[in-house]
Amino acid sequence: MLSVVRTHLFLSRDRAIILASLIGISLLAWSYLATMTLGMADMPGMPMPSVAQQYTLAALMWAVMMVGMMLPSAAPMILLYTMVQRKQGRRPVLMSGVFGAGYLLVWGGFAIVAAGLQLALARAALLSPSLMLVSARVAGVVFLLAAAYEFSPLKNRCLTRCQSPFGFITRYWQAGLGGALRMGVLHGAFCVGCCWVLMMLLFAAGVMNLVWVAALSVLILLQKVLPGGRLVPRVTGAVMAVVGLTCLVFPL
């Protein structure tokens, strides 16, 4: 009986450490984004940075944004992974940290691509200083493409992997630190496959519009944790289609 209590305490302690870490890292990311948003108001009076500096700042912004947006939705997966590692007598905090690093590594790669797209759109004069698409019709097309992807088989496959942490661990389990990293990368890849189009909607409403960023974060979390499988993405896709058609037919 005492051993069972001790095991439960260890599980609680390990998961509490990981949960506190996830919350702390997410809050730091959101604080950075808020500070950057406030700082953008002072940018008009500052000298124009070089292209390399612009890209570096954009990549950093996107990377921090992905941390703030995606870690909360990855928390159930990471916490379950922590519990499994403890039951196997491994180093659960270390292993979960490596798993999380692999997950964020993939989103870091996405941030690099997104930053390049942002600079390309800016050079084509398609983005406003607030990093929002200047054309309502282009924004409408983005919404329609996002809507179509919500109904696609690839979205369904990736979302299915994200909705079932236990199924993911059972199917893709790999032992050791290298296995933890590879599992984190794989889970991150499924997550990118599930959510990358939703991230592109940031260009439609403003990349640094924190209200929009927070709304998309909540939407991603709901898609992953709510029961009903494909119901939330289908509703999301239908709403996006309506918004996209409205932007095309009635551009402001």
Protein backbone atom coordinates (compact mmCIF):
# COMPACT_ATOMS: atom_id res chain seq x y z
CA MET A 1 0.00 0.00 0.00
CA LEU A 2 2.83 2.38 0.89
CA SER A 3 4.53 1.68 -2.44
CA VAL A 4 1.33 2.55 -4.30
CA VAL A 5 1.08 5.86 -2.44
CA ARG A 6 4.72 6.62 -3.17
CA THR A 7 4.23 5.83 -6.85
CA HIS A 8 1.21 8.12 -6.99
CA LEU A 9 3.19 10.91 -5.32
CA PHE A 10 6.03 10.48 -7.80
CA LEU A 11 3.57 10.61 -10.68
CA SER A 12 1.97 13.74 -9.28
CA ARG A 13 5.33 15.39 -8.65
CA ASP A 14 6.72 14.66 -12.11
CA ARG A 15 3.60 15.74 -13.91
CA ALA A 16 3.37 18.85 -11.73
CA ILE A 17 6.93 19.80 -12.72
CA ILE A 18 6.17 19.31 -16.40
CA LEU A 19 2.83 21.13 -16.19
CA ALA A 20 4.41 24.06 -14.35
CA SER A 21 7.16 24.18 -16.96
CA LEU A 22 4.67 24.19 -19.84
CA ILE A 23 2.65 26.96 -18.21
CA GLY A 24 5.76 29.00 -17.44
CA ILE A 25 7.21 28.70 -20.95
CA SER A 26 3.85 29.55 -22.51
CA LEU A 27 3.45 32.62 -20.31
CA LEU A 28 6.95 33.80 -21.18
CA ALA A 29 6.15 33.41 -24.87
CA TRP A 30 2.92 35.40 -24.56
CA SER A 31 4.71 38.08 -22.53
CA TYR A 32 7.32 38.41 -25.26
CA LEU A 33 4.63 38.72 -27.93
CA ALA A 34 2.79 41.38 -25.93
CA THR A 35 6.02 43.33 -25.46
CA MET A 36 6.84 43.06 -29.16
CA THR A 37 3.34 44.23 -30.12
CA LEU A 38 3.65 47.29 -27.91
CA GLY A 39 7.12 47.96 -29.29
CA MET A 40 5.84 48.00 -32.87
CA ALA A 41 4.23 51.37 -32.15
CA ASP A 42 7.72 52.88 -31.84
CA MET A 43 9.08 51.33 -35.03
CA PRO A 44 8.10 54.10 -37.52
CA GLY A 45 10.70 56.42 -35.99
CA MET A 46 13.45 53.80 -36.08
CA PRO A 47 15.87 53.17 -38.96
CA MET A 48 14.88 50.35 -41.33
CA PRO A 49 16.72 47.12 -40.42
CA SER A 50 18.54 45.13 -43.07
CA VAL A 51 16.86 42.22 -44.84
CA ALA A 52 18.83 39.76 -42.71
CA GLN A 53 17.76 41.55 -39.54
CA GLN A 54 14.13 41.63 -40.70
CA TYR A 55 14.20 37.90 -41.38
CA THR A 56 15.86 37.11 -38.05
CA LEU A 57 13.31 39.17 -36.13
CA ALA A 58 10.42 37.65 -38.08
CA ALA A 59 11.68 34.10 -37.52
CA LEU A 60 12.13 34.79 -33.80
CA MET A 61 8.64 36.27 -33.58
CA TRP A 62 7.08 33.28 -35.33
CA ALA A 63 9.06 30.81 -33.22
CA VAL A 64 7.95 32.42 -29.96
CA MET A 65 4.39 32.64 -31.27
CA MET A 66 4.37 28.92 -32.08
CA VAL A 67 5.56 28.16 -28.55
CA GLY A 68 2.80 30.25 -27.01
CA MET A 69 0.11 28.88 -29.31
CA MET A 70 1.01 25.20 -29.49
CA LEU A 71 2.42 24.16 -26.09
CA PRO A 72 -1.01 24.36 -24.37
CA SER A 73 -2.54 22.03 -26.95
CA ALA A 74 0.43 19.64 -26.66
CA ALA A 75 0.18 19.50 -22.85
CA PRO A 76 -2.09 16.39 -22.69
CA MET A 77 0.33 14.47 -24.91
CA ILE A 78 3.41 15.54 -22.96
CA LEU A 79 1.81 14.83 -19.56
CA LEU A 80 0.74 11.35 -20.65
CA TYR A 81 4.25 10.72 -21.94
CA THR A 82 5.60 11.77 -18.53
CA MET A 83 3.31 9.30 -16.77
CA VAL A 84 4.35 6.44 -19.05
CA GLN A 85 8.03 7.17 -18.51
CA ARG A 86 7.57 7.18 -14.72
CA LYS A 87 5.74 3.86 -14.81
CA GLN A 88 8.67 2.40 -16.75
CA GLY A 89 11.09 3.67 -14.11
CA ARG A 90 12.81 6.11 -16.46
CA ARG A 91 13.75 9.76 -15.89
CA PRO A 92 10.34 11.24 -16.72
CA VAL A 93 11.20 14.93 -16.43
CA LEU A 94 14.30 14.63 -18.62
CA MET A 95 12.58 12.38 -21.17
CA SER A 96 9.57 14.69 -21.37
CA GLY A 97 11.86 17.67 -21.82
CA VAL A 98 13.54 15.95 -24.77
CA PHE A 99 10.14 15.01 -26.20
CA GLY A 100 9.00 18.63 -25.90
CA ALA A 101 12.21 19.85 -27.49
CA GLY A 102 11.61 17.62 -30.49
CA TYR A 103 8.05 18.89 -30.75
CA LEU A 104 9.14 22.54 -30.66
CA LEU A 105 11.98 21.83 -33.09
CA VAL A 106 9.44 21.05 -35.80
CA TRP A 107 7.47 24.20 -35.07
CA GLY A 108 10.75 26.11 -35.17
CA GLY A 109 11.21 24.86 -38.71
CA PHE A 110 7.70 26.03 -39.52
CA ALA A 111 8.58 29.45 -38.05
CA ILE A 112 11.54 29.73 -40.43
CA VAL A 113 9.30 29.05 -43.42
CA ALA A 114 6.57 31.40 -42.17
CA ALA A 115 9.10 34.19 -41.69
CA GLY A 116 10.26 33.77 -45.27
CA LEU A 117 6.67 33.93 -46.48
CA GLN A 118 6.07 37.05 -44.42
CA LEU A 119 9.04 38.84 -45.97
CA ALA A 120 8.02 37.73 -49.46
CA LEU A 121 4.50 39.10 -48.96
CA ALA A 122 5.90 42.34 -47.56
CA ARG A 123 8.24 42.79 -50.54
CA ALA A 124 5.29 42.20 -52.86
CA ALA A 125 3.42 45.01 -51.02
CA LEU A 126 0.71 42.57 -49.92
CA LEU A 127 1.19 43.17 -46.18
CA SER A 128 0.40 46.30 -44.21
CA PRO A 129 2.79 47.60 -41.49
CA SER A 130 0.65 45.64 -39.00
CA LEU A 131 1.47 42.46 -40.98
CA MET A 132 -2.05 42.04 -42.33
CA LEU A 133 -2.99 41.33 -45.94
CA VAL A 134 -3.93 44.61 -47.62
CA SER A 135 -6.38 42.98 -50.02
CA ALA A 136 -9.68 41.66 -48.68
CA ARG A 137 -10.01 39.43 -51.75
CA VAL A 138 -6.62 37.83 -51.12
CA ALA A 139 -7.64 37.31 -47.51
CA GLY A 140 -10.85 35.72 -48.76
CA VAL A 141 -8.87 33.27 -50.86
CA VAL A 142 -6.76 32.37 -47.83
CA PHE A 143 -9.91 31.68 -45.80
CA LEU A 144 -11.35 29.51 -48.57
CA LEU A 145 -8.15 27.50 -48.87
CA ALA A 146 -8.12 27.03 -45.11
CA ALA A 147 -11.75 25.94 -45.22
CA ALA A 148 -11.01 23.37 -47.91
CA TYR A 149 -8.10 21.97 -45.91
CA GLU A 150 -10.31 21.52 -42.84
CA PHE A 151 -12.28 18.92 -44.84
CA SER A 152 -9.23 17.22 -46.38
CA PRO A 153 -8.07 13.63 -45.64
CA LEU A 154 -4.62 14.90 -44.60
CA LYS A 155 -6.15 17.18 -41.99
CA ASN A 156 -8.24 14.27 -40.73
CA ARG A 157 -5.26 11.93 -40.47
CA CYS A 158 -3.05 14.43 -38.65
CA LEU A 159 -5.82 15.56 -36.32
CA THR A 160 -6.63 11.95 -35.43
CA ARG A 161 -3.03 11.45 -34.26
CA CYS A 162 -3.21 14.67 -32.21
CA GLN A 163 -6.57 13.82 -30.63
CA SER A 164 -5.40 10.48 -29.24
CA PRO A 165 -2.25 10.81 -27.09
CA PHE A 166 -2.57 7.23 -25.84
CA GLY A 167 -2.96 5.91 -29.39
CA PHE A 168 0.07 7.90 -30.52
CA ILE A 169 2.25 6.53 -27.71
CA THR A 170 1.07 2.98 -28.33
CA ARG A 171 1.71 3.16 -32.07
CA TYR A 172 4.91 5.18 -32.23
CA TRP A 173 6.70 4.34 -28.98
CA GLN A 174 10.52 4.50 -29.08
CA ALA A 175 12.79 3.98 -26.10
CA GLY A 176 15.69 6.12 -24.91
CA LEU A 177 16.56 9.78 -25.27
CA GLY A 178 16.87 9.43 -29.03
CA GLY A 179 13.46 7.80 -29.12
CA ALA A 180 11.99 10.63 -27.04
CA LEU A 181 13.38 13.19 -29.49
CA ARG A 182 12.11 11.27 -32.51
CA MET A 183 8.66 10.85 -30.96
CA GLY A 184 8.53 14.57 -30.22
CA VAL A 185 9.51 15.39 -33.78
CA LEU A 186 6.91 12.99 -35.15
CA HIS A 187 4.17 14.40 -32.95
CA GLY A 188 5.22 17.90 -33.98
CA ALA A 189 5.02 16.87 -37.64
CA PHE A 190 1.47 15.59 -37.18
CA CYS A 191 0.63 18.80 -35.34
CA VAL A 192 2.02 20.98 -38.14
CA GLY A 193 0.10 18.90 -40.65
CA CYS A 194 -3.04 19.51 -38.64
CA CYS A 195 -2.64 23.24 -37.97
CA TRP A 196 -0.36 24.89 -40.57
CA VAL A 197 -3.23 26.31 -42.62
CA LEU A 198 -4.80 27.80 -39.52
CA MET A 199 -1.52 29.63 -38.94
CA MET A 200 -1.75 31.14 -42.40
CA LEU A 201 -4.97 32.84 -41.29
CA LEU A 202 -2.78 35.07 -39.14
CA PHE A 203 -1.89 36.96 -42.31
CA ALA A 204 -5.58 37.63 -42.93
CA ALA A 205 -6.22 39.35 -39.59
CA GLY A 206 -2.74 40.52 -38.66
CA VAL A 207 0.19 38.43 -37.51
CA MET A 208 0.63 40.58 -34.41
CA ASN A 209 -3.09 40.82 -33.60
CA LEU A 210 -2.88 39.07 -30.24
CA VAL A 211 -6.66 38.72 -29.98
CA TRP A 212 -6.65 36.77 -33.24
CA VAL A 213 -3.60 34.77 -32.16
CA ALA A 214 -5.34 33.86 -28.90
CA ALA A 215 -8.56 32.92 -30.73
CA LEU A 216 -6.67 30.57 -33.05
CA SER A 217 -4.86 29.06 -30.05
CA VAL A 218 -8.20 28.29 -28.38
CA LEU A 219 -9.56 26.86 -31.64
CA ILE A 220 -6.56 24.55 -32.02
CA LEU A 221 -6.93 23.38 -28.42
CA LEU A 222 -10.66 22.69 -28.90
CA GLN A 223 -10.03 20.71 -32.08
CA LYS A 224 -7.61 18.47 -30.20
CA VAL A 225 -9.40 17.91 -26.91
CA LEU A 226 -13.15 18.09 -27.57
CA PRO A 227 -14.97 14.81 -28.26
CA GLY A 228 -16.67 14.39 -31.60
CA GLY A 229 -13.69 13.83 -33.84
CA ARG A 230 -14.26 15.76 -37.03
CA LEU A 231 -17.18 17.88 -35.83
CA VAL A 232 -15.15 20.91 -34.72
CA PRO A 233 -13.00 21.06 -37.90
CA ARG A 234 -16.12 20.78 -40.05
CA VAL A 235 -17.81 23.63 -38.22
CA THR A 236 -14.57 25.60 -38.43
CA GLY A 237 -14.29 24.91 -42.14
CA ALA A 238 -17.88 26.00 -42.77
CA VAL A 239 -17.35 29.28 -40.89
CA MET A 240 -14.12 29.94 -42.78
CA ALA A 241 -15.87 29.31 -46.09
CA VAL A 242 -18.55 31.87 -45.21
CA VAL A 243 -15.93 34.42 -44.17
CA GLY A 244 -13.91 33.79 -47.32
CA LEU A 245 -16.90 34.19 -49.62
CA THR A 246 -17.93 37.35 -47.78
CA CYS A 247 -14.46 38.84 -48.29
CA LEU A 248 -14.59 38.01 -52.00
CA VAL A 249 -18.11 39.27 -52.65
CA PHE A 250 -18.12 42.25 -50.26
CA PRO A 251 -14.51 43.44 -49.95
CA LEU A 252 -14.03 46.40 -47.64
